[in-house]
Amino acid sequence: MMRFATVLLFVIATTAQSLAQSAPSLSLSPSVVILKTSFGQTIKQSIGLNNGTSQGLDFEMIADDVVVKSGKRVFVAAGELPHSIAATAVFSERSGHVAAGASQAIQVLLTIPDQTTIRAVAIYFRSRHVVVEHGTVSITATVGSLITFILSDNIVVQAEPVRVHAATASENLKIVEALKNTGSEPVVPDGVAAFVDASGSLVAKIPFQSQRLLPGERLEFTAEYAGRLKPGAYHVLCTFSYEGKALTNSAEMRVH
């Protein structure tokens, strides 16, 4: 069964006061892992579980394949897709207990099936029912770590035209460019927007917000400029670099 997951931490509480007193916090580290590997290879990854709640937690570990369908990430149960990577997951502890305020490392083994088109797996920690000391608050939580795999040199990114959104009384000037991963491997482009004035002088540079593109995924990258540009015409040069490659697009803008 396919399921969409946009939030990896769910907290259900019956009273806000009890929740504030217990201050629950759960996390997995690292939150994202990028691995360069090859078909048929088995990799070992350590995932750290940090229990910042006031309660000990019983837990189970789960692996899902992550793919892109109709432009959106879909989390698919292990074994449902052909050549599932999640189905190969072997945990050092499939279930267990972590004490309040403690951390615990879980080892997971993953084998890359031959001919798989999957390039990402989500590893989840899922707790069971817990009763908080201050009342009868029930907390169920799921936190996840994303593991991505690069298996070939087929890394291709396509860029769309640059869009400029002028500053307003309530918003900064924004430069937006959409990128699509048309290759077979995940990629994290690093981008910067440069403002060049009519004389050819570099006036300012701002970074684009970093995002990960899975194969088939399209995302909009945004850079915000909080400063003030002098009135005049500007050439906006946007450059993204990834895996030794570069994409450059430009747009014209005028500040009044």
Protein backbone atom coordinates (compact mmCIF):
# COMPACT_ATOMS: atom_id res chain seq x y z
CA MET A 1 0.00 0.00 0.00
CA MET A 2 1.43 3.38 -1.03
CA ARG A 3 1.33 6.20 1.45
CA PHE A 4 2.33 9.84 1.30
CA ALA A 5 4.43 11.17 4.17
CA THR A 6 5.03 14.87 4.54
CA VAL A 7 5.44 14.84 8.33
CA LEU A 8 7.72 12.36 10.10
CA LEU A 9 6.88 13.42 13.66
CA PHE A 10 3.34 13.03 14.90
CA VAL A 11 2.34 14.06 18.43
CA ILE A 12 -1.23 13.53 19.62
CA ALA A 13 -2.00 15.08 23.03
CA THR A 14 -5.18 15.52 25.03
CA THR A 15 -3.90 18.49 27.07
CA ALA A 16 -1.48 21.21 26.01
CA GLN A 17 -0.36 21.67 29.62
CA SER A 18 0.84 18.07 29.98
CA LEU A 19 2.60 18.27 26.64
CA ALA A 20 4.48 21.42 27.70
CA GLN A 21 5.51 19.82 31.00
CA SER A 22 6.88 16.65 29.38
CA ALA A 23 8.44 18.54 26.42
CA PRO A 24 8.68 15.42 24.22
CA SER A 25 11.35 15.34 21.56
CA LEU A 26 12.38 12.46 19.29
CA SER A 27 14.93 12.43 16.50
CA LEU A 28 17.00 10.16 14.33
CA SER A 29 20.50 11.09 13.25
CA PRO A 30 21.73 11.47 10.66
CA SER A 31 18.46 12.70 9.16
CA VAL A 32 19.78 12.27 5.61
CA VAL A 33 22.47 9.92 4.30
CA ILE A 34 23.98 10.06 0.78
CA LEU A 35 25.75 6.89 -0.32
CA LYS A 36 27.69 6.19 -3.51
CA THR A 37 27.50 2.45 -4.01
CA SER A 38 26.90 -0.16 -6.73
CA PHE A 39 24.37 -2.80 -7.72
CA GLY A 40 24.60 -5.96 -5.65
CA GLN A 41 26.50 -4.26 -2.84
CA THR A 42 25.47 -4.50 0.81
CA ILE A 43 25.97 -1.40 2.92
CA LYS A 44 25.83 -0.92 6.68
CA GLN A 45 24.48 2.28 8.17
CA SER A 46 24.19 3.34 11.80
CA ILE A 47 21.11 5.32 12.81
CA GLY A 48 21.03 7.06 16.18
CA LEU A 49 17.75 7.33 18.08
CA ASN A 50 17.57 10.21 20.56
CA ASN A 51 14.73 10.02 23.10
CA GLY A 52 14.27 13.47 24.57
CA THR A 53 10.96 12.63 26.23
CA SER A 54 10.33 11.90 29.90
CA GLN A 55 9.22 8.38 29.07
CA GLY A 56 10.93 5.20 28.04
CA LEU A 57 9.69 4.11 24.61
CA ASP A 58 9.06 0.72 23.10
CA PHE A 59 9.76 0.89 19.39
CA GLU A 60 9.92 -0.96 16.11
CA MET A 61 12.05 -0.20 13.04
CA ILE A 62 10.52 0.03 9.55
CA ALA A 63 11.94 0.54 6.06
CA ASP A 64 10.03 2.00 3.08
CA ASP A 65 11.13 2.58 -0.49
CA VAL A 66 10.86 6.22 -1.62
CA VAL A 67 10.03 6.99 -5.26
CA VAL A 68 8.56 9.88 -7.26
CA LYS A 69 5.16 9.46 -8.91
CA SER A 70 3.32 12.28 -10.65
CA GLY A 71 5.95 14.67 -9.36
CA LYS A 72 5.45 13.78 -5.68
CA ARG A 73 7.44 11.60 -3.33
CA VAL A 74 5.65 8.40 -2.43
CA PHE A 75 6.60 6.13 0.46
CA VAL A 76 5.97 2.50 -0.47
CA ALA A 77 5.95 -0.46 1.91
CA ALA A 78 8.92 -2.80 1.62
CA GLY A 79 8.54 -5.44 -1.08
CA GLU A 80 5.69 -3.82 -2.99
CA LEU A 81 7.90 -2.44 -5.77
CA PRO A 82 10.06 -4.55 -8.10
CA HIS A 83 13.67 -4.81 -6.88
CA SER A 84 12.74 -3.23 -3.54
CA ILE A 85 15.71 -2.02 -1.51
CA ALA A 86 13.61 -1.65 1.65
CA ALA A 87 12.73 -5.35 1.47
CA THR A 88 16.41 -6.20 2.03
CA ALA A 89 16.64 -4.22 5.30
CA VAL A 90 18.09 -6.14 8.23
CA PHE A 91 18.13 -4.28 11.57
CA SER A 92 20.40 -5.02 14.51
CA GLU A 93 17.20 -4.57 16.54
CA ARG A 94 13.86 -4.83 14.79
CA SER A 95 12.15 -3.80 18.04
CA GLY A 96 13.32 -2.73 21.47
CA HIS A 97 13.19 -0.13 24.22
CA VAL A 98 15.01 3.17 24.70
CA ALA A 99 15.03 4.81 28.12
CA ALA A 100 13.91 8.39 28.80
CA GLY A 101 16.61 10.91 27.93
CA ALA A 102 18.78 8.21 26.37
CA SER A 103 20.20 7.57 22.90
CA GLN A 104 20.57 4.29 21.10
CA ALA A 105 22.29 3.25 17.86
CA ILE A 106 20.56 0.88 15.44
CA GLN A 107 22.49 -0.76 12.62
CA VAL A 108 20.74 -1.44 9.33
CA LEU A 109 22.04 -3.56 6.45
CA LEU A 110 20.70 -2.77 2.97
CA THR A 111 21.48 -4.67 -0.23
CA ILE A 112 21.09 -2.97 -3.63
CA PRO A 113 19.22 -5.37 -5.96
CA ASP A 114 20.44 -5.67 -9.54
CA GLN A 115 18.47 -3.47 -11.98
CA THR A 116 16.63 -1.57 -9.26
CA THR A 117 15.37 1.89 -10.22
CA ILE A 118 14.84 2.87 -6.57
CA ARG A 119 17.28 5.44 -5.21
CA ALA A 120 15.99 6.20 -1.72
CA VAL A 121 14.86 4.40 1.40
CA ALA A 122 13.21 5.86 4.51
CA ILE A 123 14.15 4.25 7.82
CA TYR A 124 11.52 4.82 10.51
CA PHE A 125 11.47 4.52 14.26
CA ARG A 126 7.87 3.98 15.39
CA SER A 127 6.95 4.07 19.06
CA ARG A 128 4.08 2.31 20.74
CA HIS A 129 1.47 3.76 23.12
CA VAL A 130 2.94 5.79 25.98
CA VAL A 131 1.24 7.34 29.04
CA VAL A 132 2.91 10.56 30.20
CA GLU A 133 3.33 11.07 33.96
CA HIS A 134 1.35 14.34 34.10
CA GLY A 135 -2.12 13.02 33.37
CA THR A 136 -3.30 10.65 30.65
CA VAL A 137 -1.65 12.00 27.55
CA SER A 138 -1.15 9.45 24.80
CA ILE A 139 1.84 9.94 22.54
CA THR A 140 2.54 7.99 19.39
CA ALA A 141 5.49 9.04 17.29
CA THR A 142 7.23 8.19 14.04
CA VAL A 143 10.54 9.77 13.09
CA GLY A 144 12.50 8.95 9.97
CA SER A 145 15.87 9.12 8.26
CA LEU A 146 16.26 9.27 4.47
CA ILE A 147 19.01 7.20 2.82
CA THR A 148 19.74 7.98 -0.84
CA PHE A 149 21.89 5.96 -3.24
CA ILE A 150 23.97 7.06 -6.24
CA LEU A 151 24.54 4.04 -8.47
CA SER A 152 25.68 5.52 -11.79
CA ASP A 153 26.95 8.65 -13.54
CA ASN A 154 23.56 9.37 -15.10
CA ILE A 155 23.04 12.64 -13.22
CA VAL A 156 21.06 15.13 -15.30
CA VAL A 157 19.24 18.27 -14.17
CA GLN A 158 17.09 20.51 -16.37
CA ALA A 159 16.42 24.14 -15.49
CA GLU A 160 13.36 26.26 -16.22
CA PRO A 161 13.39 30.03 -16.86
CA VAL A 162 14.38 32.31 -13.99
CA ARG A 163 11.54 34.24 -12.34
CA VAL A 164 12.04 37.50 -10.46
CA HIS A 165 9.56 38.61 -7.79
CA ALA A 166 10.07 42.25 -6.86
CA ALA A 167 10.30 43.31 -3.25
CA THR A 168 7.15 44.56 -1.57
CA ALA A 169 6.40 46.27 1.71
CA SER A 170 6.13 42.88 3.41
CA GLU A 171 8.37 40.58 1.33
CA ASN A 172 11.98 40.55 0.16
CA LEU A 173 13.01 40.37 -3.48
CA LYS A 174 12.90 36.72 -4.58
CA ILE A 175 14.63 34.84 -7.37
CA VAL A 176 12.92 31.55 -8.26
CA GLU A 177 14.08 28.82 -10.61
CA ALA A 178 12.55 25.36 -10.98
CA LEU A 179 14.85 22.38 -11.51
CA LYS A 180 13.90 18.86 -12.58
CA ASN A 181 15.97 15.74 -12.10
CA THR A 182 15.74 13.91 -15.43
CA GLY A 183 18.54 11.48 -14.68
CA SER A 184 18.46 8.25 -12.70
CA GLU A 185 20.36 9.41 -9.59
CA PRO A 186 19.52 11.75 -6.67
CA VAL A 187 21.25 15.11 -6.66
CA VAL A 188 21.61 18.16 -4.38
CA PRO A 189 22.31 21.23 -6.55
CA ASP A 190 24.09 24.19 -4.98
CA GLY A 191 22.91 27.48 -6.45
CA VAL A 192 23.70 31.17 -6.29
CA ALA A 193 22.06 34.24 -7.83
CA ALA A 194 24.28 37.19 -8.77
CA PHE A 195 23.11 40.74 -9.49
CA VAL A 196 25.11 42.63 -12.12
CA ASP A 197 24.38 46.29 -12.78
CA ALA A 198 24.33 48.11 -16.13
CA SER A 199 28.07 48.84 -15.91
CA GLY A 200 28.88 45.14 -15.54
CA SER A 201 29.78 45.36 -11.85
CA LEU A 202 28.78 42.62 -9.43
CA VAL A 203 26.45 44.20 -6.87
CA ALA A 204 25.37 41.24 -4.73
CA LYS A 205 25.25 37.44 -4.52
CA ILE A 206 22.69 35.35 -2.67
CA PRO A 207 22.46 31.54 -2.26
CA PHE A 208 19.50 29.44 -3.26
CA GLN A 209 17.90 27.31 -0.59
CA SER A 210 19.38 23.81 -0.84
CA GLN A 211 17.04 20.93 -1.70
CA ARG A 212 17.43 17.29 -2.69
CA LEU A 213 16.04 16.14 -6.05
CA LEU A 214 15.14 12.47 -6.42
CA PRO A 215 14.90 11.04 -9.96
CA GLY A 216 11.83 12.46 -11.69
CA GLU A 217 11.33 15.16 -9.06
CA ARG A 218 10.78 18.86 -9.87
CA LEU A 219 11.22 21.51 -7.20
CA GLU A 220 11.36 25.30 -7.12
CA PHE A 221 14.55 26.79 -5.68
CA THR A 222 14.29 30.22 -4.09
CA ALA A 223 16.86 32.87 -3.17
CA GLU A 224 15.83 35.94 -1.16
CA TYR A 225 17.63 39.28 -1.10
CA ALA A 226 17.03 41.25 2.09
CA GLY A 227 19.06 44.29 1.02
CA ARG A 228 18.08 47.26 -1.10
CA LEU A 229 19.27 47.67 -4.67
CA LYS A 230 19.73 51.10 -6.19
CA PRO A 231 17.26 52.03 -8.92
CA GLY A 232 18.32 50.81 -12.32
CA ALA A 233 18.58 47.80 -14.63
CA TYR A 234 20.15 44.53 -13.46
CA HIS A 235 21.21 41.28 -15.03
CA VAL A 236 20.39 38.34 -12.73
CA LEU A 237 22.73 35.39 -13.28
CA CYS A 238 21.68 32.08 -11.67
CA THR A 239 24.17 29.22 -11.49
CA PHE A 240 23.63 25.74 -10.05
CA SER A 241 26.47 23.27 -9.64
CA TYR A 242 26.26 19.51 -9.02
CA GLU A 243 28.63 16.58 -9.44
CA GLY A 244 31.15 18.66 -11.40
CA LYS A 245 28.50 20.08 -13.72
CA ALA A 246 26.95 23.54 -13.90
CA LEU A 247 23.70 25.09 -15.12
CA THR A 248 23.46 28.83 -15.78
CA ASN A 249 20.36 30.85 -16.62
CA SER A 250 19.69 34.55 -16.48
CA ALA A 251 16.93 37.14 -16.33
CA GLU A 252 16.63 40.91 -16.55
CA MET A 253 15.09 43.09 -13.86
CA ARG A 254 14.65 46.75 -13.10
CA VAL A 255 14.46 48.41 -9.71
CA HIS A 256 12.38 51.60 -9.62
